[in-house]
């Protein structure tokens, strides 16, 4: 009988060590996830505000811009840069088309002609 009590106690102590190891690993995972979340928050806070208007540039330096967009438009290409309201109005007046998806001309109150 003594042997079975001793062996049961040994098994329970082994189980305790396994669970302690699992708990330590879980705490490391939690700490790593907290660090990642903190980095994401810092990145979001450091990100400059989204521009109100975008100018989609041509393929090279000499090409005229392609289109005017509302800031954050999903159709704006990678060659877009943020511009101010007065620049957006000027480009529209110079004949650069407004995006048909985000309609910056409507948001700017721009009427052609």
N, C-alpha and C. Protein backbone atom coordinates (compact mmCIF):
# COMPACT_ATOMS: atom_id res chain seq x y z
N UNK A 1 0.82 -1.19 0.00
CA UNK A 1 0.00 0.00 0.00
C UNK A 1 0.87 1.25 0.00
N UNK A 2 1.91 1.20 0.77
CA UNK A 2 2.81 2.34 0.87
C UNK A 2 3.39 2.71 -0.50
N UNK A 3 3.71 1.70 -1.28
CA UNK A 3 4.27 1.93 -2.61
C UNK A 3 3.29 2.68 -3.52
N UNK A 4 2.03 2.32 -3.49
CA UNK A 4 1.05 2.97 -4.36
C UNK A 4 0.81 4.41 -3.95
N UNK A 5 0.85 4.71 -2.65
CA UNK A 5 0.70 6.10 -2.18
C UNK A 5 1.89 6.92 -2.64
N UNK A 6 3.08 6.35 -2.49
CA UNK A 6 4.29 7.04 -2.91
C UNK A 6 4.28 7.28 -4.41
N UNK A 7 3.89 6.29 -5.19
CA UNK A 7 3.90 6.45 -6.62
C UNK A 7 2.81 7.43 -7.06
N UNK A 8 1.65 7.43 -6.39
CA UNK A 8 0.59 8.40 -6.70
C UNK A 8 1.06 9.82 -6.40
N UNK A 9 1.76 9.98 -5.28
CA UNK A 9 2.30 11.29 -4.92
C UNK A 9 3.35 11.73 -5.94
N UNK A 10 4.18 10.82 -6.39
CA UNK A 10 5.18 11.14 -7.42
C UNK A 10 4.50 11.59 -8.71
N UNK A 11 3.43 10.90 -9.08
CA UNK A 11 2.69 11.27 -10.29
C UNK A 11 2.05 12.65 -10.15
N UNK A 12 1.51 12.94 -9.00
CA UNK A 12 0.91 14.26 -8.78
C UNK A 12 1.95 15.37 -8.81
N UNK A 13 3.13 15.10 -8.25
CA UNK A 13 4.21 16.10 -8.31
C UNK A 13 4.69 16.30 -9.74
N UNK A 14 4.76 15.21 -10.51
CA UNK A 14 5.11 15.32 -11.92
C UNK A 14 4.08 16.17 -12.66
N UNK A 15 2.82 15.90 -12.42
CA UNK A 15 1.75 16.67 -13.04
C UNK A 15 1.86 18.15 -12.67
N UNK A 16 2.19 18.42 -11.42
CA UNK A 16 2.36 19.81 -10.99
C UNK A 16 3.48 20.49 -11.77
N UNK A 17 4.61 19.80 -11.98
CA UNK A 17 5.73 20.37 -12.74
C UNK A 17 5.32 20.64 -14.19
N UNK A 18 4.58 19.71 -14.79
CA UNK A 18 4.12 19.89 -16.17
C UNK A 18 3.20 21.10 -16.26
N UNK A 19 2.27 21.19 -15.32
CA UNK A 19 1.33 22.31 -15.32
C UNK A 19 2.05 23.63 -15.06
N UNK A 20 3.05 23.62 -14.20
CA UNK A 20 3.83 24.83 -13.93
C UNK A 20 4.56 25.28 -15.20
N UNK A 21 5.13 24.33 -15.92
CA UNK A 21 5.81 24.64 -17.18
C UNK A 21 4.82 25.21 -18.19
N UNK A 22 3.63 24.59 -18.28
CA UNK A 22 2.60 25.10 -19.19
C UNK A 22 2.17 26.51 -18.80
N UNK A 23 2.00 26.75 -17.51
CA UNK A 23 1.59 28.08 -17.04
C UNK A 23 2.66 29.12 -17.35
N UNK A 24 3.92 28.79 -17.16
CA UNK A 24 5.01 29.73 -17.48
C UNK A 24 5.03 30.04 -18.97
N UNK A 25 4.84 29.02 -19.81
CA UNK A 25 4.82 29.23 -21.26
C UNK A 25 3.63 30.12 -21.64
N UNK A 26 2.48 29.87 -21.07
CA UNK A 26 1.30 30.69 -21.36
C UNK A 26 1.54 32.13 -20.93
N UNK A 27 2.17 32.33 -19.80
CA UNK A 27 2.47 33.70 -19.35
C UNK A 27 3.46 34.38 -20.29
N UNK A 28 4.41 33.64 -20.85
CA UNK A 28 5.33 34.22 -21.84
C UNK A 28 4.57 34.62 -23.10
N UNK A 29 3.64 33.78 -23.54
CA UNK A 29 2.82 34.10 -24.71
C UNK A 29 1.99 35.36 -24.46
N UNK A 30 1.43 35.46 -23.27
CA UNK A 30 0.63 36.64 -22.93
C UNK A 30 1.51 37.88 -22.94
N UNK A 31 2.68 37.80 -22.34
CA UNK A 31 3.59 38.96 -22.30
C UNK A 31 4.01 39.37 -23.72
N UNK A 32 4.30 38.40 -24.58
CA UNK A 32 4.68 38.71 -25.96
C UNK A 32 3.52 39.37 -26.69
N UNK A 33 2.30 38.88 -26.50
CA UNK A 33 1.14 39.47 -27.16
C UNK A 33 0.88 40.88 -26.64
N UNK A 34 1.09 41.10 -25.34
CA UNK A 34 0.93 42.46 -24.79
C UNK A 34 1.95 43.41 -25.40
N UNK A 35 3.19 42.94 -25.61
CA UNK A 35 4.21 43.79 -26.25
C UNK A 35 3.80 44.12 -27.68
N UNK A 36 3.32 43.12 -28.43
CA UNK A 36 2.90 43.37 -29.81
C UNK A 36 1.74 44.36 -29.86
N UNK A 37 0.79 44.21 -28.96
CA UNK A 37 -0.35 45.12 -28.93
C UNK A 37 0.10 46.55 -28.59
N UNK A 38 1.03 46.68 -27.67
CA UNK A 38 1.56 47.99 -27.31
C UNK A 38 2.29 48.62 -28.51
N UNK A 39 3.04 47.81 -29.25
CA UNK A 39 3.73 48.31 -30.44
C UNK A 39 2.73 48.75 -31.50
N UNK A 40 1.65 47.98 -31.68
CA UNK A 40 0.61 48.37 -32.65
C UNK A 40 -0.02 49.71 -32.25
N UNK A 41 -0.30 49.87 -30.96
CA UNK A 41 -0.90 51.13 -30.49
C UNK A 41 0.05 52.31 -30.70
N UNK A 42 1.33 52.10 -30.37
CA UNK A 42 2.32 53.18 -30.58
C UNK A 42 2.42 53.53 -32.05
N UNK A 43 2.42 52.50 -32.92
CA UNK A 43 2.48 52.74 -34.36
C UNK A 43 1.28 53.53 -34.85
N UNK A 44 0.11 53.16 -34.36
CA UNK A 44 -1.12 53.87 -34.78
C UNK A 44 -1.10 55.31 -34.28
N UNK A 45 -0.60 55.54 -33.08
CA UNK A 45 -0.55 56.89 -32.54
C UNK A 45 0.48 57.75 -33.27
N UNK A 46 1.57 57.12 -33.74
CA UNK A 46 2.63 57.87 -34.41
C UNK A 46 2.32 58.11 -35.89
N UNK A 47 1.36 57.38 -36.42
CA UNK A 47 1.02 57.51 -37.84
C UNK A 47 0.45 58.90 -38.11
N UNK A 48 0.92 59.55 -39.15
CA UNK A 48 0.37 60.88 -39.46
C UNK A 48 -1.10 60.75 -39.87
N UNK A 49 -1.86 61.80 -39.68
CA UNK A 49 -3.28 61.72 -40.05
C UNK A 49 -3.43 61.52 -41.56
N UNK A 50 -4.50 60.85 -41.94
CA UNK A 50 -4.77 60.61 -43.35
C UNK A 50 -5.11 61.94 -44.02
N UNK A 51 -4.52 62.21 -45.19
CA UNK A 51 -4.84 63.46 -45.88
C UNK A 51 -6.30 63.49 -46.32
N UNK A 52 -6.87 64.68 -46.40
CA UNK A 52 -8.26 64.80 -46.84
C UNK A 52 -8.40 64.49 -48.33
N UNK A 53 -7.38 64.84 -49.10
CA UNK A 53 -7.44 64.70 -50.55
C UNK A 53 -6.15 64.06 -51.05
N UNK A 54 -6.24 63.34 -52.15
CA UNK A 54 -5.07 62.69 -52.75
C UNK A 54 -4.98 63.07 -54.22
N UNK A 55 -3.74 63.19 -54.67
CA UNK A 55 -3.46 63.40 -56.09
C UNK A 55 -2.71 62.17 -56.57
N UNK A 56 -3.31 61.44 -57.50
CA UNK A 56 -2.65 60.26 -58.06
C UNK A 56 -1.75 60.73 -59.19
N UNK A 57 -0.47 60.47 -59.04
CA UNK A 57 0.53 60.97 -59.99
C UNK A 57 0.64 60.07 -61.21
N UNK A 58 1.21 60.65 -62.28
CA UNK A 58 1.43 59.89 -63.51
C UNK A 58 2.58 58.90 -63.36
N UNK A 59 2.87 58.20 -64.45
CA UNK A 59 3.89 57.15 -64.41
C UNK A 59 5.32 57.68 -64.27
N UNK A 60 5.57 58.90 -64.71
CA UNK A 60 6.90 59.47 -64.57
C UNK A 60 6.79 60.93 -64.14
N UNK A 61 7.94 61.55 -63.90
CA UNK A 61 7.95 62.93 -63.40
C UNK A 61 7.30 63.92 -64.35
N UNK A 62 7.40 63.67 -65.63
CA UNK A 62 6.89 64.61 -66.62
C UNK A 62 5.41 64.40 -66.96
N UNK A 63 4.85 63.28 -66.57
CA UNK A 63 3.44 62.98 -66.89
C UNK A 63 2.53 63.77 -65.95
N UNK A 64 1.42 64.26 -66.47
CA UNK A 64 0.47 64.96 -65.58
C UNK A 64 -0.16 63.98 -64.61
N UNK A 65 -0.70 64.50 -63.51
CA UNK A 65 -1.39 63.61 -62.56
C UNK A 65 -2.56 62.90 -63.26
N UNK A 66 -2.93 61.76 -62.72
CA UNK A 66 -4.01 60.95 -63.31
C UNK A 66 -5.39 61.31 -62.76
N UNK A 67 -5.46 61.56 -61.44
CA UNK A 67 -6.78 61.67 -60.85
C UNK A 67 -6.70 62.30 -59.46
N UNK A 68 -7.80 62.92 -59.06
CA UNK A 68 -7.94 63.47 -57.70
C UNK A 68 -8.88 62.52 -56.94
N UNK A 69 -8.51 62.21 -55.69
CA UNK A 69 -9.29 61.29 -54.85
C UNK A 69 -9.56 61.93 -53.49
N UNK A 70 -10.56 61.41 -52.81
CA UNK A 70 -10.76 61.71 -51.39
C UNK A 70 -9.71 60.90 -50.63
N UNK A 71 -9.14 61.46 -49.57
CA UNK A 71 -8.16 60.72 -48.77
C UNK A 71 -8.72 59.39 -48.32
N UNK A 72 -7.93 58.33 -48.47
CA UNK A 72 -8.36 57.00 -48.07
C UNK A 72 -9.15 56.25 -49.12
N UNK A 73 -9.32 56.82 -50.30
CA UNK A 73 -10.06 56.13 -51.37
C UNK A 73 -9.36 54.81 -51.70
N UNK A 74 -10.12 53.74 -51.76
CA UNK A 74 -9.54 52.43 -52.05
C UNK A 74 -9.07 52.31 -53.51
N UNK A 75 -9.49 53.24 -54.35
CA UNK A 75 -9.09 53.19 -55.76
C UNK A 75 -7.81 53.99 -56.04
N UNK A 76 -7.35 54.76 -55.07
CA UNK A 76 -6.13 55.56 -55.27
C UNK A 76 -4.94 54.63 -55.45
N UNK A 77 -4.12 54.91 -56.43
CA UNK A 77 -2.95 54.09 -56.70
C UNK A 77 -1.82 54.34 -55.72
N UNK A 78 -0.77 53.56 -55.86
CA UNK A 78 0.39 53.68 -54.97
C UNK A 78 1.16 54.98 -55.18
N UNK A 79 0.98 55.59 -56.33
CA UNK A 79 1.71 56.82 -56.63
C UNK A 79 0.88 58.05 -56.22
N UNK A 80 0.15 57.96 -55.15
CA UNK A 80 -0.69 59.08 -54.70
C UNK A 80 0.01 59.83 -53.57
N UNK A 81 -0.26 61.11 -53.52
CA UNK A 81 0.29 61.93 -52.43
C UNK A 81 -0.82 62.81 -51.87
N UNK A 82 -0.71 63.11 -50.60
CA UNK A 82 -1.69 63.95 -49.94
C UNK A 82 -1.58 65.39 -50.42
N UNK A 83 -2.74 66.03 -50.60
CA UNK A 83 -2.77 67.44 -51.00
C UNK A 83 -3.84 68.15 -50.18
N UNK A 84 -3.76 69.45 -50.15
CA UNK A 84 -4.75 70.26 -49.45
C UNK A 84 -5.96 70.54 -50.32
N UNK A 85 -6.95 71.13 -49.71
CA UNK A 85 -8.21 71.44 -50.40
C UNK A 85 -7.98 72.36 -51.60
N UNK A 86 -7.20 73.43 -51.41
CA UNK A 86 -6.99 74.37 -52.51
C UNK A 86 -6.27 73.71 -53.69
N UNK A 87 -5.32 72.82 -53.40
CA UNK A 87 -4.63 72.11 -54.49
C UNK A 87 -5.58 71.15 -55.20
N UNK A 88 -6.43 70.48 -54.44
CA UNK A 88 -7.40 69.56 -55.06
C UNK A 88 -8.32 70.34 -56.00
N UNK A 89 -8.81 71.49 -55.56
CA UNK A 89 -9.67 72.31 -56.40
C UNK A 89 -8.93 72.79 -57.65
N UNK A 90 -7.67 73.18 -57.47
CA UNK A 90 -6.86 73.66 -58.60
C UNK A 90 -6.67 72.56 -59.63
N UNK A 91 -6.33 71.33 -59.18
CA UNK A 91 -6.11 70.24 -60.13
C UNK A 91 -7.40 69.90 -60.88
N UNK A 92 -8.53 69.92 -60.18
CA UNK A 92 -9.80 69.67 -60.86
C UNK A 92 -10.08 70.76 -61.90
N UNK A 93 -9.80 72.01 -61.54
CA UNK A 93 -10.01 73.14 -62.46
C UNK A 93 -9.09 73.03 -63.67
N UNK A 94 -7.91 72.44 -63.49
CA UNK A 94 -6.97 72.27 -64.59
C UNK A 94 -7.29 71.03 -65.44
N UNK A 95 -8.38 70.35 -65.14
CA UNK A 95 -8.82 69.25 -65.98
C UNK A 95 -8.42 67.86 -65.52
N UNK A 96 -7.79 67.75 -64.36
CA UNK A 96 -7.47 66.41 -63.85
C UNK A 96 -8.79 65.79 -63.37
N UNK A 97 -9.12 64.60 -63.83
CA UNK A 97 -10.44 64.02 -63.50
C UNK A 97 -10.57 63.66 -62.02
N UNK A 98 -11.82 63.72 -61.56
CA UNK A 98 -12.16 63.27 -60.21
C UNK A 98 -12.45 61.78 -60.26
N UNK A 99 -12.04 61.08 -59.24
CA UNK A 99 -12.32 59.64 -59.13
C UNK A 99 -13.84 59.43 -59.13
N UNK A 100 -14.29 58.48 -59.93
CA UNK A 100 -15.73 58.21 -60.01
C UNK A 100 -16.23 57.37 -58.84
N UNK A 101 -15.32 56.86 -58.03
CA UNK A 101 -15.72 56.05 -56.86
C UNK A 101 -15.91 56.92 -55.62
N UNK A 102 -14.94 57.77 -55.34
CA UNK A 102 -15.01 58.55 -54.10
C UNK A 102 -15.56 59.96 -54.31
N UNK A 103 -15.65 60.42 -55.54
CA UNK A 103 -16.25 61.70 -55.92
C UNK A 103 -15.72 62.90 -55.11
N UNK A 104 -14.41 63.19 -55.23
CA UNK A 104 -13.87 64.34 -54.50
C UNK A 104 -14.48 65.66 -54.96
N UNK A 105 -14.92 65.72 -56.20
CA UNK A 105 -15.52 66.97 -56.70
C UNK A 105 -16.79 67.29 -55.91
N UNK A 106 -17.56 66.28 -55.57
CA UNK A 106 -18.76 66.51 -54.75
C UNK A 106 -18.38 66.96 -53.35
N UNK A 107 -17.40 66.27 -52.77
CA UNK A 107 -16.96 66.63 -51.41
C UNK A 107 -16.36 68.03 -51.35
N UNK A 108 -15.78 68.48 -52.44
CA UNK A 108 -15.19 69.81 -52.50
C UNK A 108 -16.20 70.88 -52.93
N UNK A 109 -17.36 70.45 -53.36
CA UNK A 109 -18.34 71.41 -53.86
C UNK A 109 -17.93 71.99 -55.22
N UNK A 110 -17.15 71.22 -55.96
CA UNK A 110 -16.63 71.70 -57.25
C UNK A 110 -17.64 71.40 -58.35
N UNK A 111 -18.02 72.42 -59.07
CA UNK A 111 -18.90 72.27 -60.24
C UNK A 111 -18.12 72.68 -61.47
N UNK A 112 -18.03 71.78 -62.44
CA UNK A 112 -17.28 72.09 -63.66
C UNK A 112 -17.95 73.23 -64.42
N UNK A 113 -17.09 73.98 -65.11
CA UNK A 113 -17.61 75.01 -66.00
C UNK A 113 -17.67 76.27 -65.29
